Amino acid sequence: MTAGVAPTISALQRRGDEVVAHLLRANESRWDSLSHADRQRVEALAQEVASRLLREPTRRLESAPRRRSFQYARELRELFGLSAPS
């Protein structure tokens, strides 16, 4: 992986974490009957779903030739609404 795409990968992972956190917060009141252990399982499942959805785009970005990886990074930032790396 080229260092130039690392910020995009980090931003993509953060976006997945943000989506999971937002959905968990938004639905928290619906889980009054869940035990603490059940809530932890729901959180872990949601994290795993996000992780698996982002795994293939991340893998392709990491394994692409340098020139192609920068193109992929630009496309991912656009598709996922990620800010440009600083």
PDB file of N, CA and C in Angstrom:
ATOM      1  N   MET A   1       0.847  -1.179   0.000  1.00  0.00           N
ATOM      2  CA  MET A   1       0.000   0.000   0.000  1.00  0.00           C
ATOM      3  C   MET A   1       0.885   1.232   0.000  1.00  0.00           C
ATOM      4  N   THR A   2       0.497   2.210  -0.767  1.00  0.00           N
ATOM      5  CA  THR A   2       1.242   3.452  -0.767  1.00  0.00           C
ATOM      6  C   THR A   2       0.761   4.325   0.380  1.00  0.00           C
ATOM      7  N   ALA A   3       1.665   5.083   0.935  1.00  0.00           N
ATOM      8  CA  ALA A   3       1.320   5.957   2.061  1.00  0.00           C
ATOM      9  C   ALA A   3       0.267   6.981   1.663  1.00  0.00           C
ATOM     10  N   GLY A   4       0.200   7.308   0.372  1.00  0.00           N
ATOM     11  CA  GLY A   4      -0.755   8.312  -0.092  1.00  0.00           C
ATOM     12  C   GLY A   4      -2.203   7.915   0.058  1.00  0.00           C
ATOM     13  N   VAL A   5      -2.499   6.629   0.134  1.00  0.00           N
ATOM     14  CA  VAL A   5      -3.893   6.203   0.255  1.00  0.00           C
ATOM     15  C   VAL A   5      -4.278   5.872   1.697  1.00  0.00           C
ATOM     16  N   ALA A   6      -3.321   5.848   2.587  1.00  0.00           N
ATOM     17  CA  ALA A   6      -3.601   5.529   3.994  1.00  0.00           C
ATOM     18  C   ALA A   6      -4.651   6.468   4.600  1.00  0.00           C
ATOM     19  N   PRO A   7      -4.601   7.790   4.327  1.00  0.00           N
ATOM     20  CA  PRO A   7      -5.638   8.661   4.886  1.00  0.00           C
ATOM     21  C   PRO A   7      -7.039   8.316   4.381  1.00  0.00           C
ATOM     22  N   THR A   8      -7.148   7.879   3.146  1.00  0.00           N
ATOM     23  CA  THR A   8      -8.454   7.504   2.613  1.00  0.00           C
ATOM     24  C   THR A   8      -8.967   6.246   3.290  1.00  0.00           C
ATOM     25  N   ILE A   9      -8.087   5.283   3.506  1.00  0.00           N
ATOM     26  CA  ILE A   9      -8.489   4.058   4.200  1.00  0.00           C
ATOM     27  C   ILE A   9      -8.936   4.379   5.621  1.00  0.00           C
ATOM     28  N   SER A  10      -8.188   5.220   6.309  1.00  0.00           N
ATOM     29  CA  SER A  10      -8.570   5.616   7.670  1.00  0.00           C
ATOM     30  C   SER A  10      -9.913   6.332   7.679  1.00  0.00           C
ATOM     31  N   ALA A  11     -10.114   7.241   6.716  1.00  0.00           N
ATOM     32  CA  ALA A  11     -11.372   7.979   6.644  1.00  0.00           C
ATOM     33  C   ALA A  11     -12.545   7.042   6.337  1.00  0.00           C
ATOM     34  N   LEU A  12     -12.313   6.068   5.483  1.00  0.00           N
ATOM     35  CA  LEU A  12     -13.354   5.100   5.146  1.00  0.00           C
ATOM     36  C   LEU A  12     -13.736   4.273   6.379  1.00  0.00           C
ATOM     37  N   GLN A  13     -12.747   3.844   7.131  1.00  0.00           N
ATOM     38  CA  GLN A  13     -13.017   3.083   8.352  1.00  0.00           C
ATOM     39  C   GLN A  13     -13.737   3.942   9.391  1.00  0.00           C
ATOM     40  N   ARG A  14     -13.321   5.200   9.512  1.00  0.00           N
ATOM     41  CA  ARG A  14     -14.008   6.106  10.449  1.00  0.00           C
ATOM     42  C   ARG A  14     -15.466   6.300  10.037  1.00  0.00           C
ATOM     43  N   ARG A  15     -15.708   6.433   8.723  1.00  0.00           N
ATOM     44  CA  ARG A  15     -17.078   6.612   8.243  1.00  0.00           C
ATOM     45  C   ARG A  15     -17.930   5.402   8.626  1.00  0.00           C
ATOM     46  N   GLY A  16     -17.389   4.207   8.454  1.00  0.00           N
ATOM     47  CA  GLY A  16     -18.116   3.005   8.859  1.00  0.00           C
ATOM     48  C   GLY A  16     -18.426   3.021  10.344  1.00  0.00           C
ATOM     49  N   ASP A  17     -17.446   3.400  11.155  1.00  0.00           N
ATOM     50  CA  ASP A  17     -17.650   3.488  12.609  1.00  0.00           C
ATOM     51  C   ASP A  17     -18.703   4.537  12.960  1.00  0.00           C
ATOM     52  N   GLU A  18     -18.676   5.668  12.246  1.00  0.00           N
ATOM     53  CA  GLU A  18     -19.649   6.736  12.497  1.00  0.00           C
ATOM     54  C   GLU A  18     -21.068   6.277  12.170  1.00  0.00           C
ATOM     55  N   VAL A  19     -21.225   5.576  11.066  1.00  0.00           N
ATOM     56  CA  VAL A  19     -22.556   5.085  10.667  1.00  0.00           C
ATOM     57  C   VAL A  19     -23.080   4.109  11.719  1.00  0.00           C
ATOM     58  N   VAL A  20     -22.230   3.188  12.142  1.00  0.00           N
ATOM     59  CA  VAL A  20     -22.635   2.221  13.169  1.00  0.00           C
ATOM     60  C   VAL A  20     -23.020   2.941  14.458  1.00  0.00           C
ATOM     61  N   ALA A  21     -22.184   3.859  14.913  1.00  0.00           N
ATOM     62  CA  ALA A  21     -22.459   4.578  16.164  1.00  0.00           C
ATOM     63  C   ALA A  21     -23.763   5.367  16.067  1.00  0.00           C
ATOM     64  N   HIS A  22     -23.978   6.019  14.935  1.00  0.00           N
ATOM     65  CA  HIS A  22     -25.202   6.799  14.756  1.00  0.00           C
ATOM     66  C   HIS A  22     -26.443   5.906  14.804  1.00  0.00           C
ATOM     67  N   LEU A  23     -26.396   4.791  14.088  1.00  0.00           N
ATOM     68  CA  LEU A  23     -27.551   3.890  14.077  1.00  0.00           C
ATOM     69  C   LEU A  23     -27.808   3.273  15.443  1.00  0.00           C
ATOM     70  N   LEU A  24     -26.761   2.936  16.158  1.00  0.00           N
ATOM     71  CA  LEU A  24     -26.941   2.384  17.496  1.00  0.00           C
ATOM     72  C   LEU A  24     -27.576   3.419  18.433  1.00  0.00           C
ATOM     73  N   ARG A  25     -27.091   4.662  18.365  1.00  0.00           N
ATOM     74  CA  ARG A  25     -27.668   5.731  19.204  1.00  0.00           C
ATOM     75  C   ARG A  25     -29.128   5.993  18.823  1.00  0.00           C
ATOM     76  N   ALA A  26     -29.388   6.045  17.525  1.00  0.00           N
ATOM     77  CA  ALA A  26     -30.738   6.358  17.044  1.00  0.00           C
ATOM     78  C   ALA A  26     -31.759   5.293  17.439  1.00  0.00           C
ATOM     79  N   ASN A  27     -31.304   4.086  17.637  1.00  0.00           N
ATOM     80  CA  ASN A  27     -32.218   2.983  17.952  1.00  0.00           C
ATOM     81  C   ASN A  27     -32.131   2.517  19.398  1.00  0.00           C
ATOM     82  N   GLU A  28     -31.372   3.203  20.201  1.00  0.00           N
ATOM     83  CA  GLU A  28     -31.140   2.786  21.589  1.00  0.00           C
ATOM     84  C   GLU A  28     -32.437   2.628  22.381  1.00  0.00           C
ATOM     85  N   SER A  29     -33.383   3.510  22.187  1.00  0.00           N
ATOM     86  CA  SER A  29     -34.629   3.445  22.964  1.00  0.00           C
ATOM     87  C   SER A  29     -35.473   2.224  22.606  1.00  0.00           C
ATOM     88  N   ARG A  30     -35.220   1.622  21.469  1.00  0.00           N
ATOM     89  CA  ARG A  30     -35.981   0.447  21.053  1.00  0.00           C
ATOM     90  C   ARG A  30     -35.496  -0.829  21.732  1.00  0.00           C
ATOM     91  N   TRP A  31     -34.374  -0.732  22.424  1.00  0.00           N
ATOM     92  CA  TRP A  31     -33.759  -1.925  22.999  1.00  0.00           C
ATOM     93  C   TRP A  31     -33.862  -1.983  24.513  1.00  0.00           C
ATOM     94  N   ASP A  32     -34.882  -1.365  25.063  1.00  0.00           N
ATOM     95  CA  ASP A  32     -35.042  -1.348  26.515  1.00  0.00           C
ATOM     96  C   ASP A  32     -35.063  -2.746  27.120  1.00  0.00           C
ATOM     97  N   SER A  33     -35.605  -3.686  26.376  1.00  0.00           N
ATOM     98  CA  SER A  33     -35.742  -5.042  26.925  1.00  0.00           C
ATOM     99  C   SER A  33     -34.474  -5.881  26.758  1.00  0.00           C
ATOM    100  N   LEU A  34     -33.480  -5.372  26.043  1.00  0.00           N
ATOM    101  CA  LEU A  34     -32.245  -6.146  25.838  1.00  0.00           C
ATOM    102  C   LEU A  34     -31.350  -6.073  27.062  1.00  0.00           C
ATOM    103  N   SER A  35     -30.721  -7.174  27.354  1.00  0.00           N
ATOM    104  CA  SER A  35     -29.739  -7.185  28.435  1.00  0.00           C
ATOM    105  C   SER A  35     -28.471  -6.476  27.951  1.00  0.00           C
ATOM    106  N   HIS A  36     -27.604  -6.173  28.877  1.00  0.00           N
ATOM    107  CA  HIS A  36     -26.321  -5.548  28.529  1.00  0.00           C
ATOM    108  C   HIS A  36     -25.538  -6.438  27.565  1.00  0.00           C
ATOM    109  N   ALA A  37     -25.542  -7.731  27.814  1.00  0.00           N
ATOM    110  CA  ALA A  37     -24.831  -8.676  26.940  1.00  0.00           C
ATOM    111  C   ALA A  37     -25.436  -8.687  25.540  1.00  0.00           C
ATOM    112  N   ASP A  38     -26.766  -8.632  25.460  1.00  0.00           N
ATOM    113  CA  ASP A  38     -27.422  -8.596  24.150  1.00  0.00           C
ATOM    114  C   ASP A  38     -27.075  -7.315  23.396  1.00  0.00           C
ATOM    115  N   ARG A  39     -27.033  -6.197  24.100  1.00  0.00           N
ATOM    116  CA  ARG A  39     -26.654  -4.926  23.468  1.00  0.00           C
ATOM    117  C   ARG A  39     -25.232  -5.008  22.929  1.00  0.00           C
ATOM    118  N   GLN A  40     -24.360  -5.617  23.697  1.00  0.00           N
ATOM    119  CA  GLN A  40     -22.973  -5.772  23.236  1.00  0.00           C
ATOM    120  C   GLN A  40     -22.906  -6.637  21.981  1.00  0.00           C
ATOM    121  N   ARG A  41     -23.732  -7.678  21.930  1.00  0.00           N
ATOM    122  CA  ARG A  41     -23.771  -8.526  20.737  1.00  0.00           C
ATOM    123  C   ARG A  41     -24.298  -7.762  19.520  1.00  0.00           C
ATOM    124  N   VAL A  42     -25.319  -6.937  19.712  1.00  0.00           N
ATOM    125  CA  VAL A  42     -25.854  -6.127  18.616  1.00  0.00           C
ATOM    126  C   VAL A  42     -24.782  -5.159  18.124  1.00  0.00           C
ATOM    127  N   GLU A  43     -24.079  -4.512  19.044  1.00  0.00           N
ATOM    128  CA  GLU A  43     -23.017  -3.578  18.667  1.00  0.00           C
ATOM    129  C   GLU A  43     -21.907  -4.295  17.905  1.00  0.00           C
ATOM    130  N   ALA A  44     -21.507  -5.451  18.385  1.00  0.00           N
ATOM    131  CA  ALA A  44     -20.448  -6.220  17.719  1.00  0.00           C
ATOM    132  C   ALA A  44     -20.894  -6.648  16.321  1.00  0.00           C
ATOM    133  N   LEU A  45     -22.143  -7.059  16.193  1.00  0.00           N
ATOM    134  CA  LEU A  45     -22.667  -7.466  14.888  1.00  0.00           C
ATOM    135  C   LEU A  45     -22.688  -6.287  13.916  1.00  0.00           C
ATOM    136  N   ALA A  46     -23.146  -5.139  14.383  1.00  0.00           N
ATOM    137  CA  ALA A  46     -23.184  -3.953  13.529  1.00  0.00           C
ATOM    138  C   ALA A  46     -21.775  -3.565  13.079  1.00  0.00           C
ATOM    139  N   GLN A  47     -20.812  -3.621  13.989  1.00  0.00           N
ATOM    140  CA  GLN A  47     -19.417  -3.318  13.641  1.00  0.00           C
ATOM    141  C   GLN A  47     -18.894  -4.309  12.610  1.00  0.00           C
ATOM    142  N   GLU A  48     -19.224  -5.565  12.776  1.00  0.00           N
ATOM    143  CA  GLU A  48     -18.748  -6.595  11.848  1.00  0.00           C
ATOM    144  C   GLU A  48     -19.358  -6.414  10.459  1.00  0.00           C
ATOM    145  N   VAL A  49     -20.622  -6.051  10.392  1.00  0.00           N
ATOM    146  CA  VAL A  49     -21.261  -5.801   9.094  1.00  0.00           C
ATOM    147  C   VAL A  49     -20.547  -4.658   8.383  1.00  0.00           C
ATOM    148  N   ALA A  50     -20.316  -3.559   9.081  1.00  0.00           N
ATOM    149  CA  ALA A  50     -19.617  -2.422   8.466  1.00  0.00           C
ATOM    150  C   ALA A  50     -18.215  -2.826   8.022  1.00  0.00           C
ATOM    151  N   SER A  51     -17.530  -3.554   8.857  1.00  0.00           N
ATOM    152  CA  SER A  51     -16.173  -3.992   8.543  1.00  0.00           C
ATOM    153  C   SER A  51     -16.142  -4.867   7.296  1.00  0.00           C
ATOM    154  N   ARG A  52     -17.059  -5.796   7.210  1.00  0.00           N
ATOM    155  CA  ARG A  52     -17.088  -6.701   6.043  1.00  0.00           C
ATOM    156  C   ARG A  52     -17.469  -5.971   4.760  1.00  0.00           C
ATOM    157  N   LEU A  53     -18.356  -4.994   4.864  1.00  0.00           N
ATOM    158  CA  LEU A  53     -18.732  -4.224   3.673  1.00  0.00           C
ATOM    159  C   LEU A  53     -17.559  -3.399   3.139  1.00  0.00           C
ATOM    160  N   LEU A  54     -16.725  -2.925   4.038  1.00  0.00           N
ATOM    161  CA  LEU A  54     -15.601  -2.073   3.632  1.00  0.00           C
ATOM    162  C   LEU A  54     -14.330  -2.869   3.350  1.00  0.00           C
ATOM    163  N   ARG A  55     -14.320  -4.129   3.679  1.00  0.00           N
ATOM    164  CA  ARG A  55     -13.105  -4.949   3.535  1.00  0.00           C
ATOM    165  C   ARG A  55     -12.620  -5.041   2.090  1.00  0.00           C
ATOM    166  N   GLU A  56     -13.515  -5.339   1.160  1.00  0.00           N
ATOM    167  CA  GLU A  56     -13.091  -5.510  -0.234  1.00  0.00           C
ATOM    168  C   GLU A  56     -12.614  -4.206  -0.862  1.00  0.00           C
ATOM    169  N   PRO A  57     -13.337  -3.083  -0.709  1.00  0.00           N
ATOM    170  CA  PRO A  57     -12.797  -1.842  -1.258  1.00  0.00           C
ATOM    171  C   PRO A  57     -11.439  -1.480  -0.644  1.00  0.00           C
ATOM    172  N   THR A  58     -11.281  -1.734   0.644  1.00  0.00           N
ATOM    173  CA  THR A  58     -10.004  -1.451   1.307  1.00  0.00           C
ATOM    174  C   THR A  58      -8.908  -2.352   0.762  1.00  0.00           C
ATOM    175  N   ARG A  59      -9.198  -3.631   0.604  1.00  0.00           N
ATOM    176  CA  ARG A  59      -8.205  -4.570   0.086  1.00  0.00           C
ATOM    177  C   ARG A  59      -7.770  -4.175  -1.325  1.00  0.00           C
ATOM    178  N   ARG A  60      -8.734  -3.824  -2.153  1.00  0.00           N
ATOM    179  CA  ARG A  60      -8.398  -3.431  -3.531  1.00  0.00           C
ATOM    180  C   ARG A  60      -7.569  -2.156  -3.562  1.00  0.00           C
ATOM    181  N   LEU A  61      -7.900  -1.235  -2.701  1.00  0.00           N
ATOM    182  CA  LEU A  61      -7.136   0.003  -2.631  1.00  0.00           C
ATOM    183  C   LEU A  61      -5.701  -0.270  -2.194  1.00  0.00           C
ATOM    184  N   GLU A  62      -5.548  -1.122  -1.207  1.00  0.00           N
ATOM    185  CA  GLU A  62      -4.217  -1.448  -0.694  1.00  0.00           C
ATOM    186  C   GLU A  62      -3.368  -2.209  -1.701  1.00  0.00           C
ATOM    187  N   SER A  63      -3.994  -3.052  -2.520  1.00  0.00           N
ATOM    188  CA  SER A  63      -3.226  -3.912  -3.416  1.00  0.00           C
ATOM    189  C   SER A  63      -3.087  -3.360  -4.840  1.00  0.00           C
ATOM    190  N   ALA A  64      -3.727  -2.255  -5.115  1.00  0.00           N
ATOM    191  CA  ALA A  64      -3.667  -1.694  -6.473  1.00  0.00           C
ATOM    192  C   ALA A  64      -2.293  -1.092  -6.750  1.00  0.00           C
ATOM    193  N   PRO A  65      -1.890  -1.113  -8.005  1.00  0.00           N
ATOM    194  CA  PRO A  65      -0.659  -0.405  -8.365  1.00  0.00           C
ATOM    195  C   PRO A  65      -0.795   1.070  -7.975  1.00  0.00           C
ATOM    196  N   ARG A  66       0.332   1.705  -7.705  1.00  0.00           N
ATOM    197  CA  ARG A  66       0.338   3.075  -7.166  1.00  0.00           C
ATOM    198  C   ARG A  66      -0.595   4.027  -7.923  1.00  0.00           C
ATOM    199  N   ARG A  67      -0.469   4.100  -9.225  1.00  0.00           N
ATOM    200  CA  ARG A  67      -1.282   5.039  -9.995  1.00  0.00           C
ATOM    201  C   ARG A  67      -2.774   4.724  -9.855  1.00  0.00           C
ATOM    202  N   ARG A  68      -3.092   3.457  -9.943  1.00  0.00           N
ATOM    203  CA  ARG A  68      -4.493   3.032  -9.833  1.00  0.00           C
ATOM    204  C   ARG A  68      -5.016   3.276  -8.421  1.00  0.00           C
ATOM    205  N   SER A  69      -4.169   3.082  -7.414  1.00  0.00           N
ATOM    206  CA  SER A  69      -4.617   3.265  -6.031  1.00  0.00           C
ATOM    207  C   SER A  69      -5.031   4.710  -5.771  1.00  0.00           C
ATOM    208  N   PHE A  70      -4.332   5.673  -6.376  1.00  0.00           N
ATOM    209  CA  PHE A  70      -4.723   7.067  -6.193  1.00  0.00           C
ATOM    210  C   PHE A  70      -6.068   7.340  -6.867  1.00  0.00           C
ATOM    211  N   GLN A  71      -6.305   6.713  -8.003  1.00  0.00           N
ATOM    212  CA  GLN A  71      -7.599   6.852  -8.677  1.00  0.00           C
ATOM    213  C   GLN A  71      -8.701   6.247  -7.803  1.00  0.00           C
ATOM    214  N   TYR A  72      -8.467   5.047  -7.296  1.00  0.00           N
ATOM    215  CA  TYR A  72      -9.439   4.402  -6.408  1.00  0.00           C
ATOM    216  C   TYR A  72      -9.705   5.279  -5.181  1.00  0.00           C
ATOM    217  N   ALA A  73      -8.640   5.830  -4.616  1.00  0.00           N
ATOM    218  CA  ALA A  73      -8.790   6.662  -3.413  1.00  0.00           C
ATOM    219  C   ALA A  73      -9.676   7.869  -3.712  1.00  0.00           C
ATOM    220  N   ARG A  74      -9.446   8.528  -4.836  1.00  0.00           N
ATOM    221  CA  ARG A  74     -10.286   9.671  -5.223  1.00  0.00           C
ATOM    222  C   ARG A  74     -11.746   9.237  -5.382  1.00  0.00           C
ATOM    223  N   GLU A  75     -11.934   8.102  -6.035  1.00  0.00           N
ATOM    224  CA  GLU A  75     -13.298   7.611  -6.258  1.00  0.00           C
ATOM    225  C   GLU A  75     -13.987   7.249  -4.943  1.00  0.00           C
ATOM    226  N   LEU A  76     -13.267   6.611  -4.045  1.00  0.00           N
ATOM    227  CA  LEU A  76     -13.852   6.261  -2.750  1.00  0.00           C
ATOM    228  C   LEU A  76     -14.212   7.510  -1.957  1.00  0.00           C
ATOM    229  N   ARG A  77     -13.331   8.510  -1.970  1.00  0.00           N
ATOM    230  CA  ARG A  77     -13.633   9.755  -1.251  1.00  0.00           C
ATOM    231  C   ARG A  77     -14.887  10.395  -1.822  1.00  0.00           C
ATOM    232  N   GLU A  78     -15.038  10.361  -3.142  1.00  0.00           N
ATOM    233  CA  GLU A  78     -16.224  10.948  -3.752  1.00  0.00           C
ATOM    234  C   GLU A  78     -17.468  10.117  -3.429  1.00  0.00           C
ATOM    235  N   LEU A  79     -17.396   8.818  -3.606  1.00  0.00           N
ATOM    236  CA  LEU A  79     -18.560   7.958  -3.388  1.00  0.00           C
ATOM    237  C   LEU A  79     -19.053   7.963  -1.952  1.00  0.00           C
ATOM    238  N   PHE A  80     -18.114   8.013  -1.006  1.00  0.00           N
ATOM    239  CA  PHE A  80     -18.485   7.964   0.414  1.00  0.00           C
ATOM    240  C   PHE A  80     -18.552   9.339   1.057  1.00  0.00           C
ATOM    241  N   GLY A  81     -18.337  10.400   0.261  1.00  0.00           N
ATOM    242  CA  GLY A  81     -18.412  11.755   0.799  1.00  0.00           C
ATOM    243  C   GLY A  81     -17.332  12.041   1.824  1.00  0.00           C
ATOM    244  N   LEU A  82     -16.140  11.498   1.602  1.00  0.00           N
ATOM    245  CA  LEU A  82     -15.026  11.695   2.532  1.00  0.00           C
ATOM    246  C   LEU A  82     -14.284  12.961   2.151  1.00  0.00           C
ATOM    247  N   SER A  83     -13.761  13.665   3.142  1.00  0.00           N
ATOM    248  CA  SER A  83     -12.985  14.874   2.844  1.00  0.00           C
ATOM    249  C   SER A  83     -11.647  14.474   2.235  1.00  0.00           C
ATOM    250  N   ALA A  84     -11.092  15.375   1.464  1.00  0.00           N
ATOM    251  CA  ALA A  84      -9.786  15.124   0.839  1.00  0.00           C
ATOM    252  C   ALA A  84      -8.725  15.002   1.917  1.00  0.00           C
ATOM    253  N   PRO A  85      -7.731  14.144   1.701  1.00  0.00           N
ATOM    254  CA  PRO A  85      -6.683  14.007   2.710  1.00  0.00           C
ATOM    255  C   PRO A  85      -5.915  15.306   2.852  1.00  0.00           C
ATOM    256  N   SER A  86      -5.503  15.591   4.080  1.00  0.00           N
ATOM    257  CA  SER A  86      -4.769  16.839   4.324  1.00  0.00           C
ATOM    258  C   SER A  86      -3.276  16.649   4.231  1.00  0.00           C
TER     259      SER A  86
END
